[in-house]
């Protein structure tokens, strides 16, 4: 499983991104990430959870998970990010 995280926007418009391949992590950390994805029901979250209207200087987040069971991407922002 691979998880790609990207944060864009904000006042300066900076981009921060990283990709984690769970096979490169210790087993306990990989399991914890996999369990967290299950706890938030990641694969059933909508692809876009964005505010209606304008949200100046807000960070936007993209999380993409690629796994044997399929791929799913979620885009959200500071105001609308689920817990």
PDB file of N, CA and C in Angstrom:
ATOM      1  N   UNK A   1       0.852  -1.169   0.000  1.00  0.00           N
ATOM      2  CA  UNK A   1       0.000   0.000   0.000  1.00  0.00           C
ATOM      3  C   UNK A   1       0.897   1.231   0.000  1.00  0.00           C
ATOM      4  N   UNK A   2       0.469   2.232  -0.776  1.00  0.00           N
ATOM      5  CA  UNK A   2       1.163   3.514  -0.821  1.00  0.00           C
ATOM      6  C   UNK A   2       0.190   4.618  -0.456  1.00  0.00           C
ATOM      7  N   UNK A   3       0.674   5.561   0.341  1.00  0.00           N
ATOM      8  CA  UNK A   3      -0.121   6.732   0.717  1.00  0.00           C
ATOM      9  C   UNK A   3       0.639   7.967   0.256  1.00  0.00           C
ATOM     10  N   UNK A   4      -0.037   8.792  -0.534  1.00  0.00           N
ATOM     11  CA  UNK A   4       0.544  10.049  -0.995  1.00  0.00           C
ATOM     12  C   UNK A   4      -0.224  11.191  -0.344  1.00  0.00           C
ATOM     13  N   UNK A   5       0.522  12.110   0.258  1.00  0.00           N
ATOM     14  CA  UNK A   5      -0.054  13.259   0.951  1.00  0.00           C
ATOM     15  C   UNK A   5       0.488  14.520   0.300  1.00  0.00           C
ATOM     16  N   UNK A   6      -0.411  15.489   0.080  1.00  0.00           N
ATOM     17  CA  UNK A   6       0.006  16.758  -0.496  1.00  0.00           C
ATOM     18  C   UNK A   6      -0.765  17.883   0.182  1.00  0.00           C
ATOM     19  N   UNK A   7      -0.036  18.929   0.588  1.00  0.00           N
ATOM     20  CA  UNK A   7      -0.661  20.133   1.127  1.00  0.00           C
ATOM     21  C   UNK A   7      -0.253  21.295   0.237  1.00  0.00           C
ATOM     22  N   UNK A   8      -1.244  22.049  -0.228  1.00  0.00           N
ATOM     23  CA  UNK A   8      -0.981  23.202  -1.081  1.00  0.00           C
ATOM     24  C   UNK A   8      -1.745  24.397  -0.536  1.00  0.00           C
ATOM     25  N   UNK A   9      -1.396  25.566  -1.054  1.00  0.00           N
ATOM     26  CA  UNK A   9      -2.132  26.774  -0.703  1.00  0.00           C
ATOM     27  C   UNK A   9      -1.506  27.519   0.454  1.00  0.00           C
ATOM     28  N   UNK A  10      -2.379  28.098   1.251  1.00  0.00           N
ATOM     29  CA  UNK A  10      -1.905  28.947   2.332  1.00  0.00           C
ATOM     30  C   UNK A  10      -1.526  30.312   1.789  1.00  0.00           C
ATOM     31  N   UNK A  11      -1.059  31.151   2.647  1.00  0.00           N
ATOM     32  CA  UNK A  11      -0.720  32.519   2.290  1.00  0.00           C
ATOM     33  C   UNK A  11       0.347  32.577   1.199  1.00  0.00           C
ATOM     34  N   UNK A  12       1.343  31.690   1.279  1.00  0.00           N
ATOM     35  CA  UNK A  12       2.447  31.732   0.324  1.00  0.00           C
ATOM     36  C   UNK A  12       2.272  30.771  -0.845  1.00  0.00           C
ATOM     37  N   UNK A  13       1.248  29.935  -0.816  1.00  0.00           N
ATOM     38  CA  UNK A  13       0.999  29.003  -1.899  1.00  0.00           C
ATOM     39  C   UNK A  13       2.006  27.868  -1.985  1.00  0.00           C
ATOM     40  N   UNK A  14       2.641  27.559  -0.879  1.00  0.00           N
ATOM     41  CA  UNK A  14       3.660  26.505  -0.886  1.00  0.00           C
ATOM     42  C   UNK A  14       3.042  25.116  -1.032  1.00  0.00           C
ATOM     43  N   UNK A  15       3.832  24.201  -1.592  1.00  0.00           N
ATOM     44  CA  UNK A  15       3.411  22.816  -1.766  1.00  0.00           C
ATOM     45  C   UNK A  15       4.335  21.921  -0.943  1.00  0.00           C
ATOM     46  N   UNK A  16       3.732  21.034  -0.159  1.00  0.00           N
ATOM     47  CA  UNK A  16       4.469  20.032   0.599  1.00  0.00           C
ATOM     48  C   UNK A  16       3.867  18.687   0.224  1.00  0.00           C
ATOM     49  N   UNK A  17       4.721  17.731  -0.157  1.00  0.00           N
ATOM     50  CA  UNK A  17       4.195  16.432  -0.574  1.00  0.00           C
ATOM     51  C   UNK A  17       5.142  15.321  -0.143  1.00  0.00           C
ATOM     52  N   UNK A  18       4.562  14.153   0.079  1.00  0.00           N
ATOM     53  CA  UNK A  18       5.365  12.978   0.389  1.00  0.00           C
ATOM     54  C   UNK A  18       4.575  11.722   0.056  1.00  0.00           C
ATOM     55  N   UNK A  19       5.303  10.652  -0.214  1.00  0.00           N
ATOM     56  CA  UNK A  19       4.687   9.356  -0.458  1.00  0.00           C
ATOM     57  C   UNK A  19       5.305   8.356   0.504  1.00  0.00           C
ATOM     58  N   UNK A  20       4.455   7.564   1.125  1.00  0.00           N
ATOM     59  CA  UNK A  20       4.891   6.527   2.060  1.00  0.00           C
ATOM     60  C   UNK A  20       4.468   5.184   1.494  1.00  0.00           C
ATOM     61  N   UNK A  21       5.420   4.291   1.357  1.00  0.00           N
ATOM     62  CA  UNK A  21       5.119   2.918   0.971  1.00  0.00           C
ATOM     63  C   UNK A  21       5.151   2.097   2.249  1.00  0.00           C
ATOM     64  N   UNK A  22       4.016   1.519   2.610  1.00  0.00           N
ATOM     65  CA  UNK A  22       3.931   0.826   3.879  1.00  0.00           C
ATOM     66  C   UNK A  22       4.902  -0.348   3.990  1.00  0.00           C
ATOM     67  N   UNK A  23       5.324  -0.907   2.875  1.00  0.00           N
ATOM     68  CA  UNK A  23       6.281  -2.019   2.939  1.00  0.00           C
ATOM     69  C   UNK A  23       7.656  -1.545   3.414  1.00  0.00           C
ATOM     70  N   UNK A  24       7.904  -0.227   3.372  1.00  0.00           N
ATOM     71  CA  UNK A  24       9.173   0.333   3.837  1.00  0.00           C
ATOM     72  C   UNK A  24       9.156   0.684   5.323  1.00  0.00           C
ATOM     73  N   UNK A  25       8.002   0.541   5.967  1.00  0.00           N
ATOM     74  CA  UNK A  25       7.860   0.868   7.384  1.00  0.00           C
ATOM     75  C   UNK A  25       7.961  -0.387   8.238  1.00  0.00           C
ATOM     76  N   UNK A  26       8.296  -0.217   9.512  1.00  0.00           N
ATOM     77  CA  UNK A  26       8.207  -1.352  10.424  1.00  0.00           C
ATOM     78  C   UNK A  26       6.766  -1.864  10.456  1.00  0.00           C
ATOM     79  N   UNK A  27       6.600  -3.151  10.687  1.00  0.00           N
ATOM     80  CA  UNK A  27       5.274  -3.776  10.642  1.00  0.00           C
ATOM     81  C   UNK A  27       4.257  -3.083  11.536  1.00  0.00           C
ATOM     82  N   UNK A  28       4.651  -2.688  12.755  1.00  0.00           N
ATOM     83  CA  UNK A  28       3.694  -2.068  13.674  1.00  0.00           C
ATOM     84  C   UNK A  28       3.211  -0.718  13.158  1.00  0.00           C
ATOM     85  N   UNK A  29       4.096   0.057  12.536  1.00  0.00           N
ATOM     86  CA  UNK A  29       3.701   1.353  11.981  1.00  0.00           C
ATOM     87  C   UNK A  29       2.810   1.182  10.751  1.00  0.00           C
ATOM     88  N   UNK A  30       3.142   0.225   9.913  1.00  0.00           N
ATOM     89  CA  UNK A  30       2.326  -0.035   8.726  1.00  0.00           C
ATOM     90  C   UNK A  30       0.925  -0.468   9.138  1.00  0.00           C
ATOM     91  N   UNK A  31       0.838  -1.333  10.139  1.00  0.00           N
ATOM     92  CA  UNK A  31      -0.470  -1.795  10.620  1.00  0.00           C
ATOM     93  C   UNK A  31      -1.263  -0.647  11.222  1.00  0.00           C
ATOM     94  N   UNK A  32      -0.592   0.230  11.954  1.00  0.00           N
ATOM     95  CA  UNK A  32      -1.284   1.373  12.561  1.00  0.00           C
ATOM     96  C   UNK A  32      -1.884   2.288  11.484  1.00  0.00           C
ATOM     97  N   UNK A  33      -1.131   2.567  10.433  1.00  0.00           N
ATOM     98  CA  UNK A  33      -1.663   3.392   9.344  1.00  0.00           C
ATOM     99  C   UNK A  33      -2.835   2.711   8.653  1.00  0.00           C
ATOM    100  N   UNK A  34      -2.702   1.424   8.397  1.00  0.00           N
ATOM    101  CA  UNK A  34      -3.783   0.669   7.762  1.00  0.00           C
ATOM    102  C   UNK A  34      -5.029   0.674   8.651  1.00  0.00           C
ATOM    103  N   UNK A  35      -4.838   0.484   9.953  1.00  0.00           N
ATOM    104  CA  UNK A  35      -5.963   0.516  10.895  1.00  0.00           C
ATOM    105  C   UNK A  35      -6.633   1.889  10.932  1.00  0.00           C
ATOM    106  N   UNK A  36      -5.834   2.953  10.882  1.00  0.00           N
ATOM    107  CA  UNK A  36      -6.400   4.310  10.886  1.00  0.00           C
ATOM    108  C   UNK A  36      -7.256   4.559   9.646  1.00  0.00           C
ATOM    109  N   UNK A  37      -6.802   4.068   8.503  1.00  0.00           N
ATOM    110  CA  UNK A  37      -7.602   4.208   7.282  1.00  0.00           C
ATOM    111  C   UNK A  37      -8.937   3.486   7.425  1.00  0.00           C
ATOM    112  N   UNK A  38      -8.919   2.325   8.052  1.00  0.00           N
ATOM    113  CA  UNK A  38     -10.171   1.588   8.291  1.00  0.00           C
ATOM    114  C   UNK A  38     -11.069   2.334   9.276  1.00  0.00           C
ATOM    115  N   UNK A  39     -10.484   2.895  10.330  1.00  0.00           N
ATOM    116  CA  UNK A  39     -11.266   3.603  11.352  1.00  0.00           C
ATOM    117  C   UNK A  39     -12.011   4.802  10.780  1.00  0.00           C
ATOM    118  N   UNK A  40     -11.380   5.517   9.842  1.00  0.00           N
ATOM    119  CA  UNK A  40     -12.037   6.692   9.256  1.00  0.00           C
ATOM    120  C   UNK A  40     -12.856   6.325   8.031  1.00  0.00           C
ATOM    121  N   UNK A  41     -12.906   5.022   7.709  1.00  0.00           N
ATOM    122  CA  UNK A  41     -13.662   4.540   6.548  1.00  0.00           C
ATOM    123  C   UNK A  41     -13.234   5.307   5.289  1.00  0.00           C
ATOM    124  N   UNK A  42     -11.914   5.405   5.112  1.00  0.00           N
ATOM    125  CA  UNK A  42     -11.328   6.237   4.060  1.00  0.00           C
ATOM    126  C   UNK A  42     -11.904   5.971   2.682  1.00  0.00           C
ATOM    127  N   UNK A  43     -12.083   4.714   2.330  1.00  0.00           N
ATOM    128  CA  UNK A  43     -12.534   4.377   0.975  1.00  0.00           C
ATOM    129  C   UNK A  43     -13.977   4.805   0.701  1.00  0.00           C
ATOM    130  N   UNK A  44     -14.717   5.172   1.741  1.00  0.00           N
ATOM    131  CA  UNK A  44     -16.092   5.641   1.551  1.00  0.00           C
ATOM    132  C   UNK A  44     -16.235   7.150   1.723  1.00  0.00           C
ATOM    133  N   UNK A  45     -15.126   7.845   1.974  1.00  0.00           N
ATOM    134  CA  UNK A  45     -15.186   9.305   2.031  1.00  0.00           C
ATOM    135  C   UNK A  45     -15.387   9.843   0.620  1.00  0.00           C
ATOM    136  N   UNK A  46     -16.100  10.965   0.492  1.00  0.00           N
ATOM    137  CA  UNK A  46     -16.249  11.566  -0.843  1.00  0.00           C
ATOM    138  C   UNK A  46     -14.895  12.037  -1.374  1.00  0.00           C
ATOM    139  N   UNK A  47     -14.779  12.101  -2.695  1.00  0.00           N
ATOM    140  CA  UNK A  47     -13.514  12.521  -3.303  1.00  0.00           C
ATOM    141  C   UNK A  47     -13.204  13.984  -3.023  1.00  0.00           C
ATOM    142  N   UNK A  48     -14.222  14.812  -2.894  1.00  0.00           N
ATOM    143  CA  UNK A  48     -13.998  16.232  -2.608  1.00  0.00           C
ATOM    144  C   UNK A  48     -14.838  16.639  -1.403  1.00  0.00           C
ATOM    145  N   UNK A  49     -14.158  17.181  -0.422  1.00  0.00           N
ATOM    146  CA  UNK A  49     -14.816  17.727   0.762  1.00  0.00           C
ATOM    147  C   UNK A  49     -14.308  19.161   0.880  1.00  0.00           C
ATOM    148  N   UNK A  50     -14.846  20.017   0.033  1.00  0.00           N
ATOM    149  CA  UNK A  50     -14.363  21.390  -0.051  1.00  0.00           C
ATOM    150  C   UNK A  50     -15.472  22.354   0.367  1.00  0.00           C
ATOM    151  N   UNK A  51     -15.078  23.536   0.880  1.00  0.00           N
ATOM    152  CA  UNK A  51     -16.088  24.506   1.306  1.00  0.00           C
ATOM    153  C   UNK A  51     -16.800  25.112   0.109  1.00  0.00           C
ATOM    154  N   UNK A  52     -18.043  25.485   0.330  1.00  0.00           N
ATOM    155  CA  UNK A  52     -18.726  26.241  -0.717  1.00  0.00           C
ATOM    156  C   UNK A  52     -18.283  27.694  -0.586  1.00  0.00           C
ATOM    157  N   UNK A  53     -18.038  28.316  -1.684  1.00  0.00           N
ATOM    158  CA  UNK A  53     -17.575  29.697  -1.652  1.00  0.00           C
ATOM    159  C   UNK A  53     -16.066  29.775  -1.503  1.00  0.00           C
ATOM    160  N   UNK A  54     -15.609  30.945  -1.212  1.00  0.00           N
ATOM    161  CA  UNK A  54     -14.174  31.214  -1.134  1.00  0.00           C
ATOM    162  C   UNK A  54     -13.652  31.021   0.277  1.00  0.00           C
ATOM    163  N   UNK A  55     -12.438  30.525   0.380  1.00  0.00           N
ATOM    164  CA  UNK A  55     -11.759  30.389   1.669  1.00  0.00           C
ATOM    165  C   UNK A  55     -10.306  30.831   1.456  1.00  0.00           C
ATOM    166  N   UNK A  56     -10.066  32.141   1.483  1.00  0.00           N
ATOM    167  CA  UNK A  56      -8.731  32.661   1.172  1.00  0.00           C
ATOM    168  C   UNK A  56      -7.657  32.106   2.110  1.00  0.00           C
ATOM    169  N   UNK A  57      -6.505  31.849   1.546  1.00  0.00           N
ATOM    170  CA  UNK A  57      -5.313  31.412   2.276  1.00  0.00           C
ATOM    171  C   UNK A  57      -5.477  30.072   2.995  1.00  0.00           C
ATOM    172  N   UNK A  58      -6.487  29.349   2.648  1.00  0.00           N
ATOM    173  CA  UNK A  58      -6.710  28.043   3.258  1.00  0.00           C
ATOM    174  C   UNK A  58      -5.743  27.014   2.661  1.00  0.00           C
ATOM    175  N   UNK A  59      -5.291  26.108   3.491  1.00  0.00           N
ATOM    176  CA  UNK A  59      -4.538  24.982   2.967  1.00  0.00           C
ATOM    177  C   UNK A  59      -5.510  23.986   2.365  1.00  0.00           C
ATOM    178  N   UNK A  60      -5.071  23.326   1.321  1.00  0.00           N
ATOM    179  CA  UNK A  60      -5.838  22.239   0.717  1.00  0.00           C
ATOM    180  C   UNK A  60      -5.003  20.973   0.836  1.00  0.00           C
ATOM    181  N   UNK A  61      -5.669  19.869   1.133  1.00  0.00           N
ATOM    182  CA  UNK A  61      -4.993  18.602   1.363  1.00  0.00           C
ATOM    183  C   UNK A  61      -5.512  17.553   0.390  1.00  0.00           C
ATOM    184  N   UNK A  62      -4.600  16.772  -0.152  1.00  0.00           N
ATOM    185  CA  UNK A  62      -4.957  15.646  -1.003  1.00  0.00           C
ATOM    186  C   UNK A  62      -4.294  14.411  -0.410  1.00  0.00           C
ATOM    187  N   UNK A  63      -5.092  13.381  -0.168  1.00  0.00           N
ATOM    188  CA  UNK A  63      -4.580  12.109   0.323  1.00  0.00           C
ATOM    189  C   UNK A  63      -5.016  11.045  -0.673  1.00  0.00           C
ATOM    190  N   UNK A  64      -4.032  10.342  -1.231  1.00  0.00           N
ATOM    191  CA  UNK A  64      -4.323   9.271  -2.172  1.00  0.00           C
ATOM    192  C   UNK A  64      -3.773   7.971  -1.601  1.00  0.00           C
ATOM    193  N   UNK A  65      -4.620   6.950  -1.576  1.00  0.00           N
ATOM    194  CA  UNK A  65      -4.211   5.639  -1.096  1.00  0.00           C
ATOM    195  C   UNK A  65      -4.324   4.663  -2.255  1.00  0.00           C
ATOM    196  N   UNK A  66      -3.238   3.950  -2.510  1.00  0.00           N
ATOM    197  CA  UNK A  66      -3.207   2.912  -3.540  1.00  0.00           C
ATOM    198  C   UNK A  66      -2.924   1.592  -2.838  1.00  0.00           C
ATOM    199  N   UNK A  67      -3.870   0.669  -2.935  1.00  0.00           N
ATOM    200  CA  UNK A  67      -3.745  -0.610  -2.241  1.00  0.00           C
ATOM    201  C   UNK A  67      -4.304  -1.717  -3.124  1.00  0.00           C
ATOM    202  N   UNK A  68      -4.141  -2.947  -2.669  1.00  0.00           N
ATOM    203  CA  UNK A  68      -4.671  -4.080  -3.419  1.00  0.00           C
ATOM    204  C   UNK A  68      -6.174  -3.979  -3.611  1.00  0.00           C
ATOM    205  N   UNK A  69      -6.858  -3.422  -2.627  1.00  0.00           N
ATOM    206  CA  UNK A  69      -8.322  -3.319  -2.721  1.00  0.00           C
ATOM    207  C   UNK A  69      -8.785  -2.149  -3.578  1.00  0.00           C
ATOM    208  N   UNK A  70      -7.838  -1.360  -4.112  1.00  0.00           N
ATOM    209  CA  UNK A  70      -8.190  -0.260  -4.993  1.00  0.00           C
ATOM    210  C   UNK A  70      -7.517   1.036  -4.597  1.00  0.00           C
ATOM    211  N   UNK A  71      -7.786   2.067  -5.363  1.00  0.00           N
ATOM    212  CA  UNK A  71      -7.234   3.395  -5.106  1.00  0.00           C
ATOM    213  C   UNK A  71      -8.366   4.348  -4.777  1.00  0.00           C
ATOM    214  N   UNK A  72      -8.043   5.322  -3.928  1.00  0.00           N
ATOM    215  CA  UNK A  72      -9.033   6.339  -3.590  1.00  0.00           C
ATOM    216  C   UNK A  72      -8.284   7.613  -3.229  1.00  0.00           C
ATOM    217  N   UNK A  73      -8.825   8.740  -3.663  1.00  0.00           N
ATOM    218  CA  UNK A  73      -8.234  10.046  -3.391  1.00  0.00           C
ATOM    219  C   UNK A  73      -9.286  10.928  -2.735  1.00  0.00           C
ATOM    220  N   UNK A  74      -8.870  11.666  -1.708  1.00  0.00           N
ATOM    221  CA  UNK A  74      -9.741  12.614  -1.024  1.00  0.00           C
ATOM    222  C   UNK A  74      -9.052  13.965  -1.017  1.00  0.00           C
ATOM    223  N   UNK A  75      -9.797  15.012  -1.411  1.00  0.00           N
ATOM    224  CA  UNK A  75      -9.309  16.384  -1.374  1.00  0.00           C
ATOM    225  C   UNK A  75     -10.186  17.167  -0.407  1.00  0.00           C
ATOM    226  N   UNK A  76      -9.526  17.912   0.477  1.00  0.00           N
ATOM    227  CA  UNK A  76     -10.256  18.696   1.459  1.00  0.00           C
ATOM    228  C   UNK A  76      -9.453  19.936   1.815  1.00  0.00           C
ATOM    229  N   UNK A  77     -10.009  20.753   2.677  1.00  0.00           N
ATOM    230  CA  UNK A  77      -9.338  21.984   3.106  1.00  0.00           C
ATOM    231  C   UNK A  77      -9.391  22.134   4.614  1.00  0.00           C
ATOM    232  N   UNK A  78      -8.766  23.192   5.112  1.00  0.00           N
ATOM    233  CA  UNK A  78      -8.723  23.429   6.553  1.00  0.00           C
ATOM    234  C   UNK A  78     -10.112  23.440   7.179  1.00  0.00           C
ATOM    235  N   UNK A  79     -11.033  24.092   6.543  1.00  0.00           N
ATOM    236  CA  UNK A  79     -12.369  24.279   7.110  1.00  0.00           C
ATOM    237  C   UNK A  79     -13.211  23.013   7.051  1.00  0.00           C
ATOM    238  N   UNK A  80     -13.005  22.195   6.032  1.00  0.00           N
ATOM    239  CA  UNK A  80     -13.902  21.067   5.804  1.00  0.00           C
ATOM    240  C   UNK A  80     -13.282  19.699   6.079  1.00  0.00           C
ATOM    241  N   UNK A  81     -12.034  19.659   6.526  1.00  0.00           N
ATOM    242  CA  UNK A  81     -11.389  18.373   6.765  1.00  0.00           C
ATOM    243  C   UNK A  81     -12.117  17.592   7.866  1.00  0.00           C
ATOM    244  N   UNK A  82     -12.445  16.335   7.603  1.00  0.00           N
ATOM    245  CA  UNK A  82     -13.084  15.524   8.632  1.00  0.00           C
ATOM    246  C   UNK A  82     -12.106  15.254   9.775  1.00  0.00           C
ATOM    247  N   UNK A  83     -12.652  14.968  10.950  1.00  0.00           N
ATOM    248  CA  UNK A  83     -11.792  14.658  12.098  1.00  0.00           C
ATOM    249  C   UNK A  83     -10.884  13.504  11.779  1.00  0.00           C
TER     250      UNK A  83
END
